[in-house]
C-alpha cells in the first residue's frame, strides 16, 4: 500500500507515532486536522464553536475525502470515523491502522479534556465516547495495533510488522 492512515481516539498517539513512522519509512507526514485548519482558516475549536459538532464533522469528512497523496502517513482526527465517505476514501488510498489504547491508559494520557480539544456531545462522558467509537475504528481498520503500553519506537515497529 502506498499510504498509511492512522485512526484512533485522541491521545492514542496518531500524530506522535505518525511522524516517527513517516521518518522510518521515508514517507511524507500529513496531519488531517492541520489540513482542516488551513482550509477553513480557523483553529479546530473555532470551527466547532462556529459550526457545531455536526458542521465540523461535515468539514472533516470533506477534507479527508479529498486527500490525494502518495507515500504518506496520514494522521486523522479521532472523529474521522463518523464520515463514511472519508473512511471509504482513506481505505481505498491507504492501509488504515487503528491505534488501539485501553480506556484506563487513554484517560491518563488525555488529562484535561477541554485543553485537549476532545469534543463530547451534551451529556456524553469520555467512557461513552470510547464505547461509541471503538467499534467504528475496528470496522474501518485494515489492521489494529495495540499501542497502549508501548513506546513510540515499539509502536512504530509493531505497525511495520502489521503491514
N, C-alpha and C. Protein backbone atom coordinates (compact mmCIF):
# COMPACT_ATOMS: atom_id res chain seq x y z
N UNK A 1 0.85 -1.19 0.00
CA UNK A 1 0.00 0.00 0.00
C UNK A 1 0.89 1.24 0.00
N UNK A 2 0.50 2.22 -0.75
CA UNK A 2 1.34 3.40 -0.90
C UNK A 2 1.20 4.42 0.21
N UNK A 3 0.11 4.35 0.99
CA UNK A 3 -0.10 5.26 2.11
C UNK A 3 -0.53 4.46 3.33
N UNK A 4 -0.36 5.09 4.49
CA UNK A 4 -0.81 4.51 5.75
C UNK A 4 -1.63 5.58 6.46
N UNK A 5 -2.83 5.22 6.89
CA UNK A 5 -3.68 6.14 7.64
C UNK A 5 -3.83 5.61 9.06
N UNK A 6 -3.59 6.49 10.02
CA UNK A 6 -3.73 6.14 11.43
C UNK A 6 -5.02 6.71 11.98
N UNK A 7 -5.83 5.85 12.60
CA UNK A 7 -7.06 6.26 13.23
C UNK A 7 -7.02 5.83 14.69
N UNK A 8 -7.85 6.47 15.51
CA UNK A 8 -7.92 6.10 16.92
C UNK A 8 -8.37 7.28 17.75
N UNK A 9 -8.55 7.02 19.01
CA UNK A 9 -9.02 8.03 19.95
C UNK A 9 -7.99 9.15 20.11
N UNK A 10 -8.44 10.34 20.51
CA UNK A 10 -7.48 11.37 20.90
C UNK A 10 -6.58 10.80 22.00
N UNK A 11 -5.30 11.05 21.90
CA UNK A 11 -4.37 10.54 22.89
C UNK A 11 -3.79 9.18 22.55
N UNK A 12 -4.24 8.58 21.45
CA UNK A 12 -3.71 7.26 21.06
C UNK A 12 -2.30 7.36 20.50
N UNK A 13 -1.91 8.55 20.05
CA UNK A 13 -0.57 8.73 19.51
C UNK A 13 -0.49 8.82 18.01
N UNK A 14 -1.60 9.12 17.36
CA UNK A 14 -1.62 9.15 15.89
C UNK A 14 -0.58 10.11 15.31
N UNK A 15 -0.53 11.32 15.83
CA UNK A 15 0.43 12.30 15.31
C UNK A 15 1.85 11.97 15.73
N UNK A 16 2.04 11.65 16.99
CA UNK A 16 3.39 11.35 17.50
C UNK A 16 3.98 10.14 16.81
N UNK A 17 3.23 9.06 16.78
CA UNK A 17 3.69 7.83 16.13
C UNK A 17 3.80 8.05 14.62
N UNK A 18 2.85 8.80 14.08
CA UNK A 18 2.83 9.03 12.63
C UNK A 18 4.07 9.73 12.11
N UNK A 19 4.55 10.72 12.84
CA UNK A 19 5.75 11.45 12.43
C UNK A 19 6.95 10.50 12.39
N UNK A 20 7.12 9.70 13.44
CA UNK A 20 8.25 8.78 13.50
C UNK A 20 8.11 7.69 12.44
N UNK A 21 6.91 7.17 12.26
CA UNK A 21 6.68 6.15 11.23
C UNK A 21 7.03 6.69 9.85
N UNK A 22 6.63 7.92 9.57
CA UNK A 22 6.94 8.53 8.28
C UNK A 22 8.45 8.66 8.10
N UNK A 23 9.15 9.07 9.13
CA UNK A 23 10.61 9.19 9.04
C UNK A 23 11.27 7.85 8.77
N UNK A 24 10.82 6.82 9.49
CA UNK A 24 11.40 5.48 9.33
C UNK A 24 11.17 4.94 7.93
N UNK A 25 9.98 5.20 7.37
CA UNK A 25 9.63 4.68 6.04
C UNK A 25 10.08 5.60 4.90
N UNK A 26 10.49 6.81 5.24
CA UNK A 26 10.84 7.79 4.20
C UNK A 26 9.60 8.35 3.51
N UNK A 27 8.48 8.40 4.25
CA UNK A 27 7.22 8.90 3.71
C UNK A 27 7.00 10.35 4.15
N UNK A 28 6.07 11.02 3.51
CA UNK A 28 5.61 12.32 3.98
C UNK A 28 4.68 12.10 5.16
N UNK A 29 4.50 13.13 5.98
CA UNK A 29 3.55 13.07 7.08
C UNK A 29 2.47 14.11 6.86
N UNK A 30 1.22 13.67 6.95
CA UNK A 30 0.06 14.54 6.77
C UNK A 30 -0.79 14.46 8.04
N UNK A 31 -1.08 15.62 8.63
CA UNK A 31 -2.00 15.68 9.78
C UNK A 31 -3.29 16.28 9.25
N UNK A 32 -4.34 15.48 9.18
CA UNK A 32 -5.58 15.96 8.56
C UNK A 32 -6.23 17.08 9.36
N UNK A 33 -5.99 17.15 10.67
CA UNK A 33 -6.51 18.27 11.44
C UNK A 33 -5.89 19.59 10.97
N UNK A 34 -4.60 19.55 10.63
CA UNK A 34 -3.94 20.76 10.12
C UNK A 34 -4.48 21.13 8.73
N UNK A 35 -4.81 20.12 7.92
CA UNK A 35 -5.43 20.41 6.62
C UNK A 35 -6.77 21.12 6.80
N UNK A 36 -7.54 20.65 7.77
CA UNK A 36 -8.84 21.27 8.05
C UNK A 36 -8.65 22.72 8.48
N UNK A 37 -7.72 22.95 9.39
CA UNK A 37 -7.46 24.32 9.86
C UNK A 37 -7.02 25.23 8.72
N UNK A 38 -6.16 24.71 7.87
CA UNK A 38 -5.67 25.51 6.74
C UNK A 38 -6.81 25.85 5.78
N UNK A 39 -7.61 24.86 5.45
CA UNK A 39 -8.70 25.07 4.51
C UNK A 39 -9.76 26.03 5.05
N UNK A 40 -10.04 25.93 6.33
CA UNK A 40 -11.07 26.76 6.95
C UNK A 40 -10.54 28.10 7.45
N UNK A 41 -9.22 28.21 7.60
CA UNK A 41 -8.64 29.45 8.11
C UNK A 41 -8.95 29.70 9.57
N UNK A 42 -9.20 28.62 10.31
CA UNK A 42 -9.54 28.72 11.73
C UNK A 42 -8.96 27.52 12.47
N UNK A 43 -8.80 27.67 13.77
CA UNK A 43 -8.40 26.55 14.61
C UNK A 43 -9.59 25.61 14.77
N UNK A 44 -9.31 24.35 15.10
CA UNK A 44 -10.38 23.35 15.22
C UNK A 44 -11.46 23.80 16.20
N UNK A 45 -11.06 24.31 17.37
CA UNK A 45 -12.05 24.70 18.36
C UNK A 45 -12.92 25.85 17.86
N UNK A 46 -12.34 26.72 17.02
CA UNK A 46 -13.12 27.83 16.46
C UNK A 46 -14.14 27.30 15.44
N UNK A 47 -13.73 26.31 14.67
CA UNK A 47 -14.66 25.71 13.70
C UNK A 47 -15.82 25.06 14.45
N UNK A 48 -15.50 24.33 15.51
CA UNK A 48 -16.54 23.66 16.29
C UNK A 48 -17.46 24.67 16.95
N UNK A 49 -16.89 25.77 17.42
CA UNK A 49 -17.69 26.82 18.05
C UNK A 49 -18.63 27.47 17.02
N UNK A 50 -18.11 27.71 15.82
CA UNK A 50 -18.90 28.37 14.78
C UNK A 50 -19.91 27.43 14.11
N UNK A 51 -19.52 26.21 13.86
CA UNK A 51 -20.34 25.29 13.06
C UNK A 51 -21.02 24.20 13.87
N UNK A 52 -20.60 24.02 15.12
CA UNK A 52 -21.13 22.93 15.92
C UNK A 52 -20.46 21.62 15.56
N UNK A 53 -20.77 20.60 16.32
CA UNK A 53 -20.13 19.29 16.10
C UNK A 53 -20.51 18.73 14.73
N UNK A 54 -21.79 18.82 14.37
CA UNK A 54 -22.24 18.28 13.08
C UNK A 54 -21.57 19.01 11.92
N UNK A 55 -21.48 20.33 12.02
CA UNK A 55 -20.83 21.11 10.97
C UNK A 55 -19.35 20.78 10.86
N UNK A 56 -18.70 20.60 12.01
CA UNK A 56 -17.29 20.21 11.99
C UNK A 56 -17.13 18.85 11.34
N UNK A 57 -18.00 17.90 11.70
CA UNK A 57 -17.90 16.56 11.12
C UNK A 57 -18.06 16.59 9.60
N UNK A 58 -18.92 17.47 9.09
CA UNK A 58 -19.08 17.60 7.64
C UNK A 58 -17.80 18.11 6.98
N UNK A 59 -17.19 19.11 7.60
CA UNK A 59 -15.93 19.66 7.07
C UNK A 59 -14.84 18.59 7.13
N UNK A 60 -14.77 17.89 8.26
CA UNK A 60 -13.76 16.84 8.43
C UNK A 60 -13.92 15.76 7.36
N UNK A 61 -15.17 15.38 7.09
CA UNK A 61 -15.40 14.35 6.08
C UNK A 61 -14.98 14.85 4.70
N UNK A 62 -15.34 16.08 4.37
CA UNK A 62 -14.98 16.65 3.07
C UNK A 62 -13.47 16.71 2.88
N UNK A 63 -12.77 17.25 3.87
CA UNK A 63 -11.32 17.41 3.75
C UNK A 63 -10.63 16.05 3.66
N UNK A 64 -11.02 15.12 4.51
CA UNK A 64 -10.38 13.80 4.49
C UNK A 64 -10.69 13.02 3.23
N UNK A 65 -11.85 13.25 2.63
CA UNK A 65 -12.20 12.51 1.41
C UNK A 65 -11.52 13.10 0.18
N UNK A 66 -10.82 14.23 0.35
CA UNK A 66 -10.10 14.85 -0.77
C UNK A 66 -8.58 14.68 -0.67
N UNK A 67 -8.11 13.99 0.34
CA UNK A 67 -6.66 13.80 0.48
C UNK A 67 -6.17 12.98 -0.70
N UNK A 68 -5.17 13.51 -1.37
CA UNK A 68 -4.60 12.85 -2.56
C UNK A 68 -3.08 12.88 -2.45
N UNK A 69 -2.51 11.85 -1.88
CA UNK A 69 -1.07 11.78 -1.65
C UNK A 69 -0.54 10.40 -2.04
N UNK A 70 0.77 10.33 -2.15
CA UNK A 70 1.45 9.06 -2.40
C UNK A 70 2.62 8.98 -1.44
N UNK A 71 2.83 7.80 -0.88
CA UNK A 71 3.90 7.57 0.10
C UNK A 71 3.80 8.53 1.27
N UNK A 72 2.66 8.49 1.95
CA UNK A 72 2.43 9.37 3.10
C UNK A 72 1.83 8.58 4.26
N UNK A 73 2.14 9.04 5.45
CA UNK A 73 1.45 8.60 6.66
C UNK A 73 0.47 9.71 6.99
N UNK A 74 -0.80 9.35 7.10
CA UNK A 74 -1.87 10.31 7.36
C UNK A 74 -2.39 10.09 8.78
N UNK A 75 -2.26 11.10 9.62
CA UNK A 75 -2.82 11.05 10.97
C UNK A 75 -4.14 11.80 10.92
N UNK A 76 -5.20 11.14 11.30
CA UNK A 76 -6.53 11.75 11.24
C UNK A 76 -6.97 12.23 12.62
N UNK A 77 -8.01 13.03 12.63
CA UNK A 77 -8.66 13.39 13.88
C UNK A 77 -9.44 12.19 14.38
N UNK A 78 -9.68 12.14 15.67
CA UNK A 78 -10.36 10.99 16.26
C UNK A 78 -11.78 10.78 15.77
N UNK A 79 -12.42 11.84 15.27
CA UNK A 79 -13.81 11.73 14.84
C UNK A 79 -13.97 11.44 13.35
N UNK A 80 -12.87 11.19 12.64
CA UNK A 80 -12.95 10.93 11.21
C UNK A 80 -13.87 9.75 10.89
N UNK A 81 -14.00 8.83 11.83
CA UNK A 81 -14.79 7.61 11.59
C UNK A 81 -16.29 7.88 11.51
N UNK A 82 -16.70 9.12 11.79
CA UNK A 82 -18.11 9.47 11.62
C UNK A 82 -18.43 9.84 10.17
N UNK A 83 -17.45 9.89 9.32
CA UNK A 83 -17.64 10.25 7.92
C UNK A 83 -17.41 9.05 7.02
N UNK A 84 -18.46 8.31 6.65
CA UNK A 84 -18.26 7.12 5.84
C UNK A 84 -17.60 7.39 4.48
N UNK A 85 -17.91 8.53 3.88
CA UNK A 85 -17.29 8.87 2.60
C UNK A 85 -15.77 9.04 2.77
N UNK A 86 -15.38 9.73 3.81
CA UNK A 86 -13.96 9.91 4.10
C UNK A 86 -13.28 8.58 4.40
N UNK A 87 -13.92 7.75 5.20
CA UNK A 87 -13.30 6.48 5.55
C UNK A 87 -13.20 5.55 4.35
N UNK A 88 -14.19 5.54 3.48
CA UNK A 88 -14.10 4.73 2.26
C UNK A 88 -12.94 5.21 1.40
N UNK A 89 -12.79 6.53 1.29
CA UNK A 89 -11.69 7.09 0.51
C UNK A 89 -10.34 6.69 1.13
N UNK A 90 -10.20 6.88 2.44
CA UNK A 90 -8.94 6.55 3.10
C UNK A 90 -8.61 5.07 3.00
N UNK A 91 -9.63 4.22 3.07
CA UNK A 91 -9.40 2.78 2.91
C UNK A 91 -8.96 2.45 1.49
N UNK A 92 -9.41 3.23 0.51
CA UNK A 92 -9.03 2.99 -0.89
C UNK A 92 -7.62 3.46 -1.21
N UNK A 93 -7.16 4.52 -0.53
CA UNK A 93 -5.84 5.07 -0.87
C UNK A 93 -4.75 4.64 0.10
N UNK A 94 -5.11 3.88 1.14
CA UNK A 94 -4.13 3.55 2.17
C UNK A 94 -4.50 2.29 2.92
N UNK A 95 -3.54 1.83 3.71
CA UNK A 95 -3.83 0.82 4.71
C UNK A 95 -4.19 1.58 5.98
N UNK A 96 -5.37 1.30 6.51
CA UNK A 96 -5.85 2.01 7.70
C UNK A 96 -5.48 1.19 8.93
N UNK A 97 -4.75 1.84 9.83
CA UNK A 97 -4.30 1.20 11.07
C UNK A 97 -5.00 1.86 12.25
N UNK A 98 -5.68 1.06 13.05
CA UNK A 98 -6.32 1.55 14.27
C UNK A 98 -5.32 1.44 15.41
N UNK A 99 -4.91 2.57 15.96
CA UNK A 99 -4.04 2.58 17.13
C UNK A 99 -4.92 2.44 18.37
N UNK A 100 -4.98 1.24 18.88
CA UNK A 100 -5.88 0.92 19.99
C UNK A 100 -5.18 1.16 21.32
N UNK A 101 -5.89 1.83 22.22
CA UNK A 101 -5.41 2.09 23.58
C UNK A 101 -6.57 1.79 24.52
N UNK A 102 -6.30 1.06 25.61
CA UNK A 102 -7.40 0.76 26.53
C UNK A 102 -7.83 2.04 27.24
N UNK A 103 -9.03 2.01 27.77
CA UNK A 103 -9.62 3.21 28.35
C UNK A 103 -8.78 3.79 29.48
N UNK A 104 -8.29 2.96 30.37
CA UNK A 104 -7.53 3.44 31.53
C UNK A 104 -6.29 4.24 31.09
N UNK A 105 -5.54 3.69 30.14
CA UNK A 105 -4.35 4.37 29.61
C UNK A 105 -4.74 5.66 28.91
N UNK A 106 -5.80 5.59 28.14
CA UNK A 106 -6.28 6.77 27.41
C UNK A 106 -6.63 7.90 28.38
N UNK A 107 -7.32 7.59 29.43
CA UNK A 107 -7.73 8.59 30.42
C UNK A 107 -6.50 9.26 31.03
N UNK A 108 -5.47 8.47 31.32
CA UNK A 108 -4.23 9.02 31.89
C UNK A 108 -3.54 9.94 30.89
N UNK A 109 -3.54 9.57 29.63
CA UNK A 109 -2.87 10.37 28.60
C UNK A 109 -3.59 11.68 28.31
N UNK A 110 -4.90 11.67 28.38
CA UNK A 110 -5.67 12.84 27.97
C UNK A 110 -5.66 13.98 28.97
N UNK A 111 -5.68 13.68 30.24
CA UNK A 111 -5.71 14.75 31.24
C UNK A 111 -6.97 15.59 31.09
N UNK A 112 -6.82 16.91 31.07
CA UNK A 112 -7.94 17.85 30.96
C UNK A 112 -8.52 17.79 29.55
N UNK A 113 -9.75 17.30 29.44
CA UNK A 113 -10.38 17.11 28.13
C UNK A 113 -10.59 18.42 27.39
N UNK A 114 -10.88 19.48 28.13
CA UNK A 114 -11.10 20.78 27.48
C UNK A 114 -9.83 21.30 26.82
N UNK A 115 -8.71 21.16 27.50
CA UNK A 115 -7.43 21.60 26.94
C UNK A 115 -7.01 20.72 25.77
N UNK A 116 -7.44 19.49 25.79
CA UNK A 116 -7.06 18.53 24.76
C UNK A 116 -7.91 18.70 23.49
N UNK A 117 -9.06 19.33 23.64
CA UNK A 117 -9.93 19.53 22.48
C UNK A 117 -10.80 18.34 22.16
N UNK A 118 -11.06 17.49 23.15
CA UNK A 118 -11.94 16.35 22.94
C UNK A 118 -13.38 16.87 22.97
N UNK A 119 -14.09 16.62 21.89
CA UNK A 119 -15.46 17.13 21.78
C UNK A 119 -16.44 16.06 22.21
N UNK A 120 -17.18 16.39 23.24
CA UNK A 120 -18.22 15.49 23.73
C UNK A 120 -19.58 16.13 23.47
N UNK A 121 -20.53 15.31 23.08
CA UNK A 121 -21.90 15.80 22.92
C UNK A 121 -22.45 16.11 24.32
N UNK A 122 -23.46 16.98 24.40
CA UNK A 122 -24.04 17.28 25.72
C UNK A 122 -24.45 16.00 26.44
N UNK A 123 -23.99 15.87 27.68
CA UNK A 123 -24.32 14.70 28.49
C UNK A 123 -23.45 13.48 28.23
N UNK A 124 -22.54 13.57 27.28
CA UNK A 124 -21.70 12.43 26.94
C UNK A 124 -20.42 12.46 27.78
N UNK A 125 -20.02 11.30 28.26
CA UNK A 125 -18.78 11.18 29.04
C UNK A 125 -17.70 10.57 28.15
N UNK A 126 -16.47 10.63 28.61
CA UNK A 126 -15.38 10.01 27.85
C UNK A 126 -15.59 8.50 27.70
N UNK A 127 -16.02 7.78 28.75
CA UNK A 127 -16.29 6.35 28.54
C UNK A 127 -17.38 6.11 27.49
N UNK A 128 -18.39 6.99 27.45
CA UNK A 128 -19.44 6.87 26.42
C UNK A 128 -18.84 7.04 25.03
N UNK A 129 -17.99 8.04 24.89
CA UNK A 129 -17.36 8.31 23.59
C UNK A 129 -16.49 7.13 23.17
N UNK A 130 -15.74 6.60 24.09
CA UNK A 130 -14.87 5.44 23.82
C UNK A 130 -15.70 4.25 23.33
N UNK A 131 -16.80 3.97 24.04
CA UNK A 131 -17.67 2.85 23.66
C UNK A 131 -18.34 3.07 22.31
N UNK A 132 -18.65 4.32 22.00
CA UNK A 132 -19.27 4.65 20.71
C UNK A 132 -18.29 4.50 19.55
N UNK A 133 -17.07 4.97 19.74
CA UNK A 133 -16.11 5.00 18.64
C UNK A 133 -15.37 3.68 18.42
N UNK A 134 -15.10 2.95 19.48
CA UNK A 134 -14.27 1.74 19.38
C UNK A 134 -14.74 0.79 18.28
N UNK A 135 -16.03 0.46 18.20
CA UNK A 135 -16.46 -0.45 17.13
C UNK A 135 -16.27 0.15 15.72
N UNK A 136 -16.40 1.48 15.61
CA UNK A 136 -16.21 2.13 14.31
C UNK A 136 -14.74 2.08 13.88
N UNK A 137 -13.82 2.28 14.82
CA UNK A 137 -12.40 2.16 14.48
C UNK A 137 -12.11 0.75 13.98
N UNK A 138 -12.63 -0.25 14.68
CA UNK A 138 -12.38 -1.64 14.27
C UNK A 138 -13.01 -1.94 12.91
N UNK A 139 -14.19 -1.38 12.67
CA UNK A 139 -14.89 -1.60 11.39
C UNK A 139 -14.08 -1.09 10.20
N UNK A 140 -13.49 0.08 10.34
CA UNK A 140 -12.79 0.70 9.22
C UNK A 140 -11.33 0.30 9.09
N UNK A 141 -10.74 -0.24 10.14
CA UNK A 141 -9.31 -0.56 10.11
C UNK A 141 -9.02 -1.82 9.31
N UNK A 142 -7.94 -1.74 8.54
CA UNK A 142 -7.41 -2.96 7.91
C UNK A 142 -6.65 -3.78 8.95
N UNK A 143 -6.00 -3.07 9.88
CA UNK A 143 -5.22 -3.70 10.94
C UNK A 143 -5.43 -2.91 12.23
N UNK A 144 -5.38 -3.62 13.36
CA UNK A 144 -5.44 -2.99 14.67
C UNK A 144 -4.12 -3.27 15.38
N UNK A 145 -3.54 -2.22 15.95
CA UNK A 145 -2.28 -2.36 16.68
C UNK A 145 -2.49 -1.77 18.07
N UNK A 146 -2.27 -2.59 19.10
CA UNK A 146 -2.40 -2.13 20.48
C UNK A 146 -1.12 -1.37 20.83
N UNK A 147 -1.26 -0.06 21.08
CA UNK A 147 -0.10 0.78 21.37
C UNK A 147 -0.12 1.33 22.80
N UNK A 148 -1.06 0.88 23.59
CA UNK A 148 -1.27 1.45 24.91
C UNK A 148 -0.07 1.43 25.83
N UNK A 149 0.66 0.35 25.88
CA UNK A 149 1.78 0.25 26.82
C UNK A 149 3.12 0.30 26.10
N UNK A 150 3.12 0.74 24.86
CA UNK A 150 4.35 0.73 24.07
C UNK A 150 4.97 2.12 23.96
N UNK A 151 6.28 2.15 23.80
CA UNK A 151 6.97 3.39 23.48
C UNK A 151 6.65 3.74 22.04
N UNK A 152 6.98 4.95 21.63
CA UNK A 152 6.75 5.35 20.24
C UNK A 152 7.49 4.41 19.30
N UNK A 153 8.73 4.12 19.58
CA UNK A 153 9.52 3.24 18.70
C UNK A 153 8.92 1.83 18.64
N UNK A 154 8.46 1.31 19.78
CA UNK A 154 7.81 -0.01 19.80
C UNK A 154 6.53 0.02 18.97
N UNK A 155 5.77 1.10 19.09
CA UNK A 155 4.53 1.23 18.31
C UNK A 155 4.83 1.25 16.82
N UNK A 156 5.86 1.99 16.43
CA UNK A 156 6.25 2.06 15.01
C UNK A 156 6.66 0.67 14.53
N UNK A 157 7.47 -0.03 15.30
CA UNK A 157 7.88 -1.39 14.91
C UNK A 157 6.67 -2.31 14.77
N UNK A 158 5.74 -2.18 15.70
CA UNK A 158 4.53 -3.01 15.68
C UNK A 158 3.69 -2.73 14.42
N UNK A 159 3.58 -1.46 14.05
CA UNK A 159 2.84 -1.09 12.83
C UNK A 159 3.53 -1.67 11.60
N UNK A 160 4.84 -1.53 11.53
CA UNK A 160 5.58 -2.06 10.39
C UNK A 160 5.40 -3.57 10.30
N UNK A 161 5.44 -4.26 11.44
CA UNK A 161 5.21 -5.70 11.44
C UNK A 161 3.80 -6.04 10.99
N UNK A 162 2.82 -5.23 11.38
CA UNK A 162 1.43 -5.47 10.99
C UNK A 162 1.21 -5.29 9.50
N UNK A 163 2.04 -4.46 8.89
CA UNK A 163 1.91 -4.22 7.45
C UNK A 163 2.51 -5.36 6.65
